């Protein structure tokens, strides 16, 4: 990644809800309260250029193409515009996933701004039942044709991969796992693992009670995290976490680890462990490969704004709305290893390096803190109003932040990294220079002068 001059400020067309840098390029995605995604390219001349805007769509059209900068398009109905609460780039940066307050989930091609797929009401409880019924029908058709033609059976199975009920990929993933799910049960750690939706295989045949979910209504998506190129984690307002197969697309696993809305995700162990945080003040850890919950923290005093992994994945840091940083051992999330009162309040948090994080306060300031040692490193940005979102570039050198003033500001972090390094260096014992002597010379002994 090339080194760029710090860009000038960007005026967003609406309140920014989240910011995300492309993993390998200086491309910034800004999700706004009007439901639109605005994609910006940051050039070496320090000018930010709007590449395109992807307006909110619930999937009613066959494809959604980003509106090129400067073009005009008909106004979208105010009832259809839903806040873009969450977004996540795929690891390659070829796609970006969007989660809306309406429960709509979509994938967008980053280069063109064209919609790849859209799932309206993706968090609606009855979606699982519809997929199971479609999967069962496809399986019955495939079995009926199998005796006559293996090719016909394959075609029938492939037909299940429609835009509305794409189930073939989920069934394949489930069967490969060798797991079988059951009906959801409330309470207890054991019942909070992932349930598999098998499309009729291993099910009791009954349908979930919508009252358990508060009615068959799609809930807002608050958090997204790409799990490799083919997986995606989503968290909604009810605390439900879903793992999606983005190739199908449909979800293959679900968990209700949290009792309140999911606020953020991070991952450990090369993506095999999913870490989540919630409004219930808890952190949850899931073994994605083994399909089992690993641990859950004790509830903290307030909601967790964000969670991230530091120290090469050995530490998990949670930023709490009341202003504290809680540091956990990655292998044990029961109680925090350390607590640190950083600010009066934390509105947003983002990882700067393996040894530090940036915290946004309600007064509009952005401060960088080192973790272990816990200390203020620098005040790097000032907004006139509360900061709502932050992001750090893939090389860690550029911080983007936006607030209720709808302005994105950029900060060069080169000197900040030096300060974080110095803070950690001062905590270590100084290394002494070791001089290797020739073996032909006898070294002086401490006892020679005695």
Protein backbone atom coordinates (compact mmCIF):
# COMPACT_ATOMS: atom_id res chain seq x y z
CA UNK A 1 0.00 0.00 0.00
CA UNK A 2 1.40 3.35 -1.01
CA UNK A 3 1.80 6.24 1.41
CA UNK A 4 -0.69 9.04 0.81
CA UNK A 5 -0.87 12.63 1.89
CA UNK A 6 -3.49 13.12 4.56
CA UNK A 7 -6.76 13.84 2.70
CA UNK A 8 -8.92 16.85 3.37
CA UNK A 9 -12.28 16.59 5.12
CA UNK A 10 -15.30 15.07 3.35
CA UNK A 11 -18.84 16.38 3.73
CA UNK A 12 -21.28 13.47 3.82
CA UNK A 13 -24.80 13.87 2.37
CA UNK A 14 -26.28 12.46 5.59
CA UNK A 15 -25.25 11.42 9.10
CA UNK A 16 -22.54 8.77 8.95
CA UNK A 17 -23.33 5.57 10.86
CA UNK A 18 -20.16 3.59 10.11
CA UNK A 19 -16.83 3.85 8.28
CA UNK A 20 -14.74 1.06 6.76
CA UNK A 21 -11.45 1.08 4.87
CA UNK A 22 -10.77 -1.34 2.04
CA UNK A 23 -8.33 -3.98 3.37
CA UNK A 24 -5.57 -3.18 0.86
CA UNK A 25 -6.40 0.13 -0.87
CA UNK A 26 -7.13 3.67 0.19
CA UNK A 27 -10.83 3.31 -0.48
CA UNK A 28 -13.28 4.33 2.24
CA UNK A 29 -16.89 3.17 2.60
CA UNK A 30 -19.30 5.36 4.56
CA UNK A 31 -22.70 4.01 5.60
CA UNK A 32 -25.28 6.70 6.27
CA UNK A 33 -28.52 7.09 8.16
CA UNK A 34 -30.46 7.47 4.89
CA UNK A 35 -29.54 3.88 4.01
CA UNK A 36 -26.99 4.78 1.33
CA UNK A 37 -23.42 3.57 0.99
CA UNK A 38 -20.96 6.19 -0.24
CA UNK A 39 -17.65 4.88 -1.59
CA UNK A 40 -14.65 7.24 -1.73
CA UNK A 41 -11.23 6.92 -3.34
CA UNK A 42 -8.38 8.75 -1.63
CA UNK A 43 -5.74 9.93 -4.09
CA UNK A 44 -2.10 10.93 -3.71
CA UNK A 45 -3.10 14.55 -4.24
CA UNK A 46 -5.00 14.46 -0.94
CA UNK A 47 -8.34 14.83 -2.70
CA UNK A 48 -11.10 12.38 -1.83
CA UNK A 49 -13.24 11.42 -4.81
CA UNK A 50 -16.73 9.95 -4.59
CA UNK A 51 -16.65 6.76 -6.64
CA UNK A 52 -20.37 5.95 -6.42
CA UNK A 53 -23.35 5.84 -4.10
CA UNK A 54 -25.39 2.70 -3.49
CA UNK A 55 -28.88 3.83 -2.43
CA UNK A 56 -31.03 1.75 -0.13
CA UNK A 57 -32.86 -1.09 -1.83
CA UNK A 58 -34.88 -3.94 -0.36
CA UNK A 59 -34.19 -6.15 -3.35
CA UNK A 60 -37.34 -5.32 -5.31
CA UNK A 61 -35.25 -4.86 -8.47
CA UNK A 62 -33.11 -7.60 -9.98
CA UNK A 63 -29.89 -5.69 -9.47
CA UNK A 64 -28.88 -2.51 -7.68
CA UNK A 65 -26.17 -0.47 -9.41
CA UNK A 66 -24.30 2.29 -7.62
CA UNK A 67 -25.20 5.78 -8.78
CA UNK A 68 -22.13 7.44 -10.31
CA UNK A 69 -20.99 10.65 -8.73
CA UNK A 70 -22.74 13.64 -10.25
CA UNK A 71 -25.65 11.65 -11.70
CA UNK A 72 -29.28 12.27 -10.80
CA UNK A 73 -31.78 9.67 -9.79
CA UNK A 74 -35.36 9.68 -8.66
CA UNK A 75 -36.00 10.23 -4.97
CA UNK A 76 -36.44 7.09 -2.94
CA UNK A 77 -39.56 6.87 -0.86
CA UNK A 78 -38.90 8.00 2.70
CA UNK A 79 -40.63 4.85 3.94
CA UNK A 80 -38.16 2.67 2.01
CA UNK A 81 -35.01 4.40 3.23
CA UNK A 82 -33.56 2.49 6.17
CA UNK A 83 -30.40 3.33 8.11
CA UNK A 84 -27.24 1.49 7.04
CA UNK A 85 -26.13 0.37 10.48
CA UNK A 86 -23.36 -2.09 9.59
CA UNK A 87 -20.95 -2.90 6.78
CA UNK A 88 -17.94 -5.18 6.26
CA UNK A 89 -15.46 -5.73 3.44
CA UNK A 90 -14.56 -9.26 2.41
CA UNK A 91 -10.88 -10.08 3.12
CA UNK A 92 -10.00 -9.70 -0.56
CA UNK A 93 -11.87 -6.39 -0.79
CA UNK A 94 -13.85 -7.54 -3.82
CA UNK A 95 -17.19 -7.31 -2.02
CA UNK A 96 -18.73 -5.30 0.78
CA UNK A 97 -21.67 -6.54 2.86
CA UNK A 98 -24.36 -4.16 4.12
CA UNK A 99 -26.78 -4.54 7.02
CA UNK A 100 -29.78 -2.22 7.37
CA UNK A 101 -32.17 -1.26 10.14
CA UNK A 102 -34.94 -2.88 8.08
CA UNK A 103 -33.21 -6.26 8.43
CA UNK A 104 -32.11 -6.20 4.79
CA UNK A 105 -28.74 -7.82 4.09
CA UNK A 106 -26.93 -7.33 0.79
CA UNK A 107 -23.62 -7.84 -0.98
CA UNK A 108 -22.17 -5.23 -3.35
CA UNK A 109 -19.35 -5.53 -5.87
CA UNK A 110 -16.77 -2.97 -4.74
CA UNK A 111 -15.37 -2.17 -8.16
CA UNK A 112 -18.68 -1.50 -9.91
CA UNK A 113 -21.09 -0.69 -7.09
CA UNK A 114 -23.46 -3.32 -8.46
CA UNK A 115 -25.53 -5.40 -6.09
CA UNK A 116 -24.58 -9.10 -6.07
CA UNK A 117 -27.49 -10.30 -3.94
CA UNK A 118 -30.06 -8.88 -1.54
CA UNK A 119 -32.00 -10.63 1.23
CA UNK A 120 -34.92 -8.52 2.46
CA UNK A 121 -36.06 -9.26 6.03
CA UNK A 122 -32.94 -11.38 6.58
CA UNK A 123 -33.49 -11.38 10.35
CA UNK A 124 -37.14 -12.43 10.14
CA UNK A 125 -37.62 -15.63 12.22
CA UNK A 126 -39.88 -17.29 9.63
CA UNK A 127 -37.06 -17.07 7.06
CA UNK A 128 -35.58 -20.24 8.55
CA UNK A 129 -38.87 -22.08 8.07
CA UNK A 130 -39.17 -20.93 4.46
CA UNK A 131 -35.65 -22.12 3.73
CA UNK A 132 -36.31 -25.47 5.39
CA UNK A 133 -39.49 -25.98 3.35
CA UNK A 134 -37.74 -25.01 0.12
CA UNK A 135 -34.82 -27.27 0.97
CA UNK A 136 -37.16 -30.16 1.74
CA UNK A 137 -39.00 -29.69 -1.55
CA UNK A 138 -35.72 -29.57 -3.48
CA UNK A 139 -34.47 -32.69 -1.71
CA UNK A 140 -37.69 -34.58 -2.49
CA UNK A 141 -37.46 -33.59 -6.14
CA UNK A 142 -33.83 -34.68 -6.29
CA UNK A 143 -34.61 -38.05 -4.69
CA UNK A 144 -37.51 -38.64 -7.07
CA UNK A 145 -35.32 -38.01 -10.11
CA UNK A 146 -32.25 -39.81 -8.81
CA UNK A 147 -33.50 -43.23 -9.89
CA UNK A 148 -33.93 -42.02 -13.47
CA UNK A 149 -31.05 -39.67 -13.98
CA UNK A 150 -28.23 -38.48 -11.77
CA UNK A 151 -27.84 -35.44 -14.00
CA UNK A 152 -31.51 -34.54 -13.57
CA UNK A 153 -31.11 -34.81 -9.81
CA UNK A 154 -28.14 -32.47 -9.90
CA UNK A 155 -30.12 -29.96 -11.94
CA UNK A 156 -33.01 -30.16 -9.49
CA UNK A 157 -30.70 -29.51 -6.57
CA UNK A 158 -29.13 -26.58 -8.39
CA UNK A 159 -32.61 -25.14 -9.01
CA UNK A 160 -32.89 -24.60 -5.27
CA UNK A 161 -30.32 -21.83 -5.52
CA UNK A 162 -32.92 -19.21 -6.42
CA UNK A 163 -32.56 -15.54 -5.42
CA UNK A 164 -35.23 -15.79 -2.73
CA UNK A 165 -34.66 -19.24 -1.23
CA UNK A 166 -31.04 -20.24 -1.86
CA UNK A 167 -30.58 -23.40 0.15
CA UNK A 168 -28.26 -25.74 -1.73
CA UNK A 169 -25.09 -24.21 -0.31
CA UNK A 170 -26.46 -24.33 3.22
CA UNK A 171 -27.45 -27.98 2.93
CA UNK A 172 -24.00 -28.88 1.61
CA UNK A 173 -22.28 -27.03 4.45
CA UNK A 174 -24.55 -28.65 7.02
CA UNK A 175 -24.08 -32.15 5.70
CA UNK A 176 -20.31 -31.71 5.58
CA UNK A 177 -20.37 -30.66 9.21
CA UNK A 178 -22.09 -33.86 10.31
CA UNK A 179 -24.12 -31.89 12.84
CA UNK A 180 -27.85 -31.98 13.43
CA UNK A 181 -29.83 -29.23 15.05
CA UNK A 182 -32.82 -29.11 17.28
CA UNK A 183 -35.50 -26.74 18.39
CA UNK A 184 -34.31 -23.65 20.19
CA UNK A 185 -34.44 -23.70 23.96
CA UNK A 186 -34.14 -20.81 26.32
CA UNK A 187 -31.68 -20.42 29.14
CA UNK A 188 -28.35 -21.95 30.01
CA UNK A 189 -24.99 -21.82 28.32
CA UNK A 190 -25.45 -25.14 26.53
CA UNK A 191 -28.58 -23.93 24.75
CA UNK A 192 -26.76 -20.87 23.40
CA UNK A 193 -24.63 -22.74 20.89
CA UNK A 194 -25.28 -22.70 17.16
CA UNK A 195 -28.43 -24.45 15.91
CA UNK A 196 -28.32 -25.90 12.41
CA UNK A 197 -31.22 -25.65 9.98
CA UNK A 198 -31.35 -28.93 8.09
CA UNK A 199 -34.32 -28.49 5.79
CA UNK A 200 -36.22 -31.44 7.19
CA UNK A 201 -33.34 -33.72 8.18
CA UNK A 202 -33.02 -34.21 11.91
CA UNK A 203 -35.87 -31.82 12.69
CA UNK A 204 -38.89 -32.55 14.83
CA UNK A 205 -41.16 -31.24 12.10
CA UNK A 206 -42.61 -28.53 14.32
CA UNK A 207 -42.44 -24.81 13.68
CA UNK A 208 -40.94 -22.25 15.99
CA UNK A 209 -43.21 -20.18 18.13
CA UNK A 210 -43.07 -16.62 16.79
CA UNK A 211 -43.81 -15.32 20.29
CA UNK A 212 -40.36 -16.53 21.34
CA UNK A 213 -38.90 -13.97 18.93
CA UNK A 214 -41.35 -11.21 19.77
CA UNK A 215 -43.36 -11.82 16.60
CA UNK A 216 -42.33 -12.63 13.06
CA UNK A 217 -40.74 -9.24 12.41
CA UNK A 218 -37.33 -8.52 10.92
CA UNK A 219 -35.04 -6.77 13.39
CA UNK A 220 -32.24 -4.26 12.64
CA UNK A 221 -28.78 -5.57 11.80
CA UNK A 222 -26.20 -3.85 14.02
CA UNK A 223 -22.91 -5.66 13.33
CA UNK A 224 -21.22 -7.55 10.48
CA UNK A 225 -17.89 -9.36 10.16
CA UNK A 226 -16.53 -11.27 7.18
CA UNK A 227 -15.30 -14.76 8.08
CA UNK A 228 -12.99 -15.57 5.20
CA UNK A 229 -14.24 -15.18 1.63
CA UNK A 230 -17.32 -17.38 2.06
CA UNK A 231 -18.58 -16.65 5.58
CA UNK A 232 -20.28 -13.68 7.21
CA UNK A 233 -21.41 -13.05 10.80
CA UNK A 234 -24.36 -10.77 11.51
CA UNK A 235 -25.75 -9.55 14.81
CA UNK A 236 -29.16 -7.98 15.32
CA UNK A 237 -31.22 -6.05 17.85
CA UNK A 238 -32.48 -9.18 19.64
CA UNK A 239 -28.96 -10.45 20.34
CA UNK A 240 -29.16 -13.16 17.68
CA UNK A 241 -25.99 -14.01 15.75
CA UNK A 242 -26.23 -15.64 12.33
CA UNK A 243 -23.46 -17.20 10.28
CA UNK A 244 -24.08 -16.84 6.54
CA UNK A 245 -22.78 -18.73 3.53
CA UNK A 246 -22.40 -15.78 1.17
CA UNK A 247 -22.15 -18.05 -1.88
CA UNK A 248 -25.77 -19.21 -1.58
CA UNK A 249 -26.59 -16.83 0.14
CA UNK A 250 -28.32 -18.02 3.31
CA UNK A 251 -27.49 -18.57 6.94
CA UNK A 252 -26.42 -21.96 8.19
CA UNK A 253 -25.94 -21.34 11.89
CA UNK A 254 -27.56 -19.17 14.53
CA UNK A 255 -27.01 -18.39 18.19
CA UNK A 256 -28.76 -16.26 20.78
CA UNK A 257 -25.75 -15.82 23.04
CA UNK A 258 -26.69 -12.24 23.97
CA UNK A 259 -29.79 -11.08 25.80
CA UNK A 260 -29.64 -7.65 24.16
CA UNK A 261 -28.52 -6.22 20.83
CA UNK A 262 -25.16 -7.24 19.34
CA UNK A 263 -22.77 -4.28 19.12
CA UNK A 264 -19.60 -5.61 17.44
CA UNK A 265 -17.51 -8.57 16.32
CA UNK A 266 -13.87 -9.52 16.09
CA UNK A 267 -12.13 -12.83 15.40
CA UNK A 268 -9.20 -14.83 16.78
CA UNK A 269 -7.12 -17.81 15.68
CA UNK A 270 -7.19 -16.98 11.97
CA UNK A 271 -10.95 -16.58 12.00
CA UNK A 272 -11.83 -19.89 13.67
CA UNK A 273 -13.05 -18.13 16.83
CA UNK A 274 -15.75 -15.44 16.73
CA UNK A 275 -15.83 -12.87 19.53
CA UNK A 276 -19.01 -10.81 19.99
CA UNK A 277 -20.10 -8.02 22.30
CA UNK A 278 -23.57 -6.90 23.27
CA UNK A 279 -25.75 -4.33 24.92
CA UNK A 280 -26.11 -6.78 27.80
CA UNK A 281 -22.52 -6.00 28.78
CA UNK A 282 -21.22 -9.46 27.90
CA UNK A 283 -18.56 -10.83 25.57
CA UNK A 284 -19.16 -14.18 23.92
CA UNK A 285 -16.69 -16.55 22.25
CA UNK A 286 -17.69 -19.17 19.66
CA UNK A 287 -15.63 -21.95 18.14
CA UNK A 288 -16.81 -21.80 14.53
CA UNK A 289 -14.99 -24.96 13.49
CA UNK A 290 -16.32 -27.00 16.42
CA UNK A 291 -19.78 -25.36 16.46
CA UNK A 292 -19.76 -24.73 20.19
CA UNK A 293 -19.71 -21.79 22.59
CA UNK A 294 -16.38 -21.50 24.37
CA UNK A 295 -16.97 -18.93 27.08
CA UNK A 296 -18.96 -15.90 28.10
CA UNK A 297 -17.86 -13.00 30.25
CA UNK A 298 -19.50 -11.81 33.39
CA UNK A 299 -21.79 -8.83 32.67
CA UNK A 300 -20.05 -5.48 32.82
CA UNK A 301 -21.65 -2.38 34.30
CA UNK A 302 -22.92 -0.99 30.99
CA UNK A 303 -23.25 -1.84 27.31
CA UNK A 304 -20.10 -2.70 25.39
CA UNK A 305 -19.60 -0.26 22.52
CA UNK A 306 -16.98 -2.32 20.72
CA UNK A 307 -14.58 -5.23 21.18
CA UNK A 308 -11.22 -5.86 19.50
CA UNK A 309 -8.24 -8.18 19.75
CA UNK A 310 -4.76 -6.88 20.66
CA UNK A 311 -1.31 -8.30 21.38
CA UNK A 312 -1.45 -10.68 18.41
CA UNK A 313 -4.75 -12.10 19.57
CA UNK A 314 -3.72 -12.86 23.14
CA UNK A 315 -5.83 -10.04 24.62
CA UNK A 316 -9.44 -8.99 24.04
CA UNK A 317 -10.28 -5.36 24.84
CA UNK A 318 -13.83 -4.12 25.40
CA UNK A 319 -14.77 -0.46 25.40
CA UNK A 320 -17.75 0.27 27.66
CA UNK A 321 -20.06 3.23 27.17
CA UNK A 322 -19.31 4.56 30.65
CA UNK A 323 -15.69 5.13 29.60
CA UNK A 324 -13.79 2.08 30.84
CA UNK A 325 -11.54 -0.29 28.96
CA UNK A 326 -11.74 -3.91 30.11
CA UNK A 327 -8.89 -6.22 29.13
CA UNK A 328 -9.49 -9.99 28.95
CA UNK A 329 -7.24 -12.96 28.32
CA UNK A 330 -8.25 -14.41 24.96
CA UNK A 331 -8.48 -17.90 26.43
CA UNK A 332 -10.59 -16.84 29.41
CA UNK A 333 -13.39 -14.32 29.15
CA UNK A 334 -15.01 -14.88 32.53
CA UNK A 335 -13.68 -11.81 34.34
CA UNK A 336 -11.48 -9.01 33.01
CA UNK A 337 -7.76 -9.20 33.62
CA UNK A 338 -7.57 -5.44 33.96
CA UNK A 339 -9.83 -2.38 34.00
CA UNK A 340 -8.93 1.17 33.07
CA UNK A 341 -11.05 4.33 33.30
CA UNK A 342 -10.05 5.99 30.03
CA UNK A 343 -12.77 8.59 29.34
CA UNK A 344 -15.98 9.94 30.76
CA UNK A 345 -17.77 8.05 27.98
CA UNK A 346 -16.87 5.98 24.93
CA UNK A 347 -18.92 6.48 21.77
CA UNK A 348 -16.72 4.45 19.40
CA UNK A 349 -13.53 2.41 19.50
CA UNK A 350 -11.17 1.14 16.80
CA UNK A 351 -7.89 -0.78 16.88
CA UNK A 352 -4.81 1.27 15.96
CA UNK A 353 -2.13 -1.37 16.44
CA UNK A 354 -1.43 -4.49 18.47
CA UNK A 355 -0.74 -2.22 21.42
CA UNK A 356 -3.30 0.58 21.22
CA UNK A 357 -6.82 1.75 20.39
CA UNK A 358 -8.51 5.01 19.42
CA UNK A 359 -11.47 6.08 21.55
CA UNK A 360 -14.10 8.67 20.63
CA UNK A 361 -15.68 10.70 23.40
CA UNK A 362 -19.03 12.46 23.56
CA UNK A 363 -17.27 15.85 23.37
CA UNK A 364 -16.09 15.11 19.81
CA UNK A 365 -12.46 14.33 20.64
CA UNK A 366 -10.59 11.23 19.51
CA UNK A 367 -7.87 9.98 21.83
CA UNK A 368 -5.38 7.16 21.38
CA UNK A 369 -4.56 4.95 24.35
CA UNK A 370 -1.96 2.26 24.74
CA UNK A 371 -3.06 -0.95 26.45
CA UNK A 372 -0.70 -2.62 28.92
CA UNK A 373 0.64 -0.14 29.79
CA UNK A 374 -2.66 1.73 30.08
CA UNK A 375 -2.00 5.36 29.29
CA UNK A 376 -3.11 8.23 27.09
CA UNK A 377 -0.85 8.53 24.05
CA UNK A 378 -2.28 11.49 22.14
CA UNK A 379 -5.39 13.47 21.20
CA UNK A 380 -5.50 13.00 17.43
CA UNK A 381 -8.74 14.61 16.23
CA UNK A 382 -11.40 17.09 17.28
CA UNK A 383 -14.98 17.22 16.01
CA UNK A 384 -17.47 19.91 16.91
CA UNK A 385 -20.02 17.30 17.96
CA UNK A 386 -20.19 13.67 19.09
CA UNK A 387 -18.21 11.16 17.02
CA UNK A 388 -20.32 8.31 15.67
CA UNK A 389 -17.84 6.14 13.74
CA UNK A 390 -14.13 5.57 13.09
CA UNK A 391 -11.97 3.38 10.84
CA UNK A 392 -8.26 2.73 10.32
CA UNK A 393 -6.66 2.01 6.95
CA UNK A 394 -5.23 -1.42 6.22
CA UNK A 395 -1.66 -0.21 6.74
CA UNK A 396 -2.62 1.46 10.02
CA UNK A 397 -1.41 4.90 8.94
CA UNK A 398 -4.69 6.75 8.38
CA UNK A 399 -7.59 7.26 10.77
CA UNK A 400 -11.01 8.36 9.50
CA UNK A 401 -13.63 9.67 11.90
CA UNK A 402 -17.07 11.19 11.50
CA UNK A 403 -19.68 12.60 13.81
CA UNK A 404 -23.07 14.25 13.98
CA UNK A 405 -21.65 17.12 11.94
CA UNK A 406 -21.64 14.74 8.88
CA UNK A 407 -17.94 15.51 8.25
CA UNK A 408 -15.27 12.83 7.78
CA UNK A 409 -11.89 13.95 9.11
CA UNK A 410 -8.58 12.18 8.48
CA UNK A 411 -5.56 11.87 10.77
CA UNK A 412 -2.07 10.65 9.91
CA UNK A 413 -1.05 8.10 12.57
CA UNK A 414 2.66 7.80 11.79
CA UNK A 415 3.83 9.66 14.90
CA UNK A 416 1.10 8.01 17.00
CA UNK A 417 2.56 4.58 16.26
CA UNK A 418 5.94 5.85 17.43
CA UNK A 419 4.39 7.03 20.70
CA UNK A 420 2.63 3.71 21.27
CA UNK A 421 5.91 1.89 20.66
CA UNK A 422 7.69 4.18 23.13
CA UNK A 423 4.98 3.61 25.74
CA UNK A 424 5.44 -0.13 25.49
CA UNK A 425 9.22 0.10 25.34
CA UNK A 426 9.37 2.01 28.63
CA UNK A 427 7.55 -0.85 30.34
CA UNK A 428 10.18 -3.39 29.35
CA UNK A 429 13.61 -3.85 30.89
CA UNK A 430 16.23 -2.17 28.69
CA UNK A 431 18.22 -4.61 26.60
CA UNK A 432 21.97 -4.48 27.15
CA UNK A 433 24.28 -4.53 24.17
CA UNK A 434 26.12 -7.84 24.04
CA UNK A 435 29.70 -7.71 22.72
CA UNK A 436 31.10 -10.98 21.44
CA UNK A 437 34.78 -11.42 22.33
CA UNK A 438 37.41 -13.38 20.50
CA UNK A 439 37.92 -16.88 21.87
CA UNK A 440 41.67 -16.36 21.67
CA UNK A 441 41.53 -13.76 24.42
CA UNK A 442 40.74 -14.72 27.97
CA UNK A 443 38.01 -12.45 29.28
CA UNK A 444 38.67 -10.53 32.47
CA UNK A 445 37.28 -12.24 35.51
CA UNK A 446 35.48 -10.47 38.33
CA UNK A 447 37.73 -12.28 40.78
CA UNK A 448 41.06 -11.24 39.18
CA UNK A 449 41.46 -8.13 41.33
CA UNK A 450 40.43 -9.76 44.59
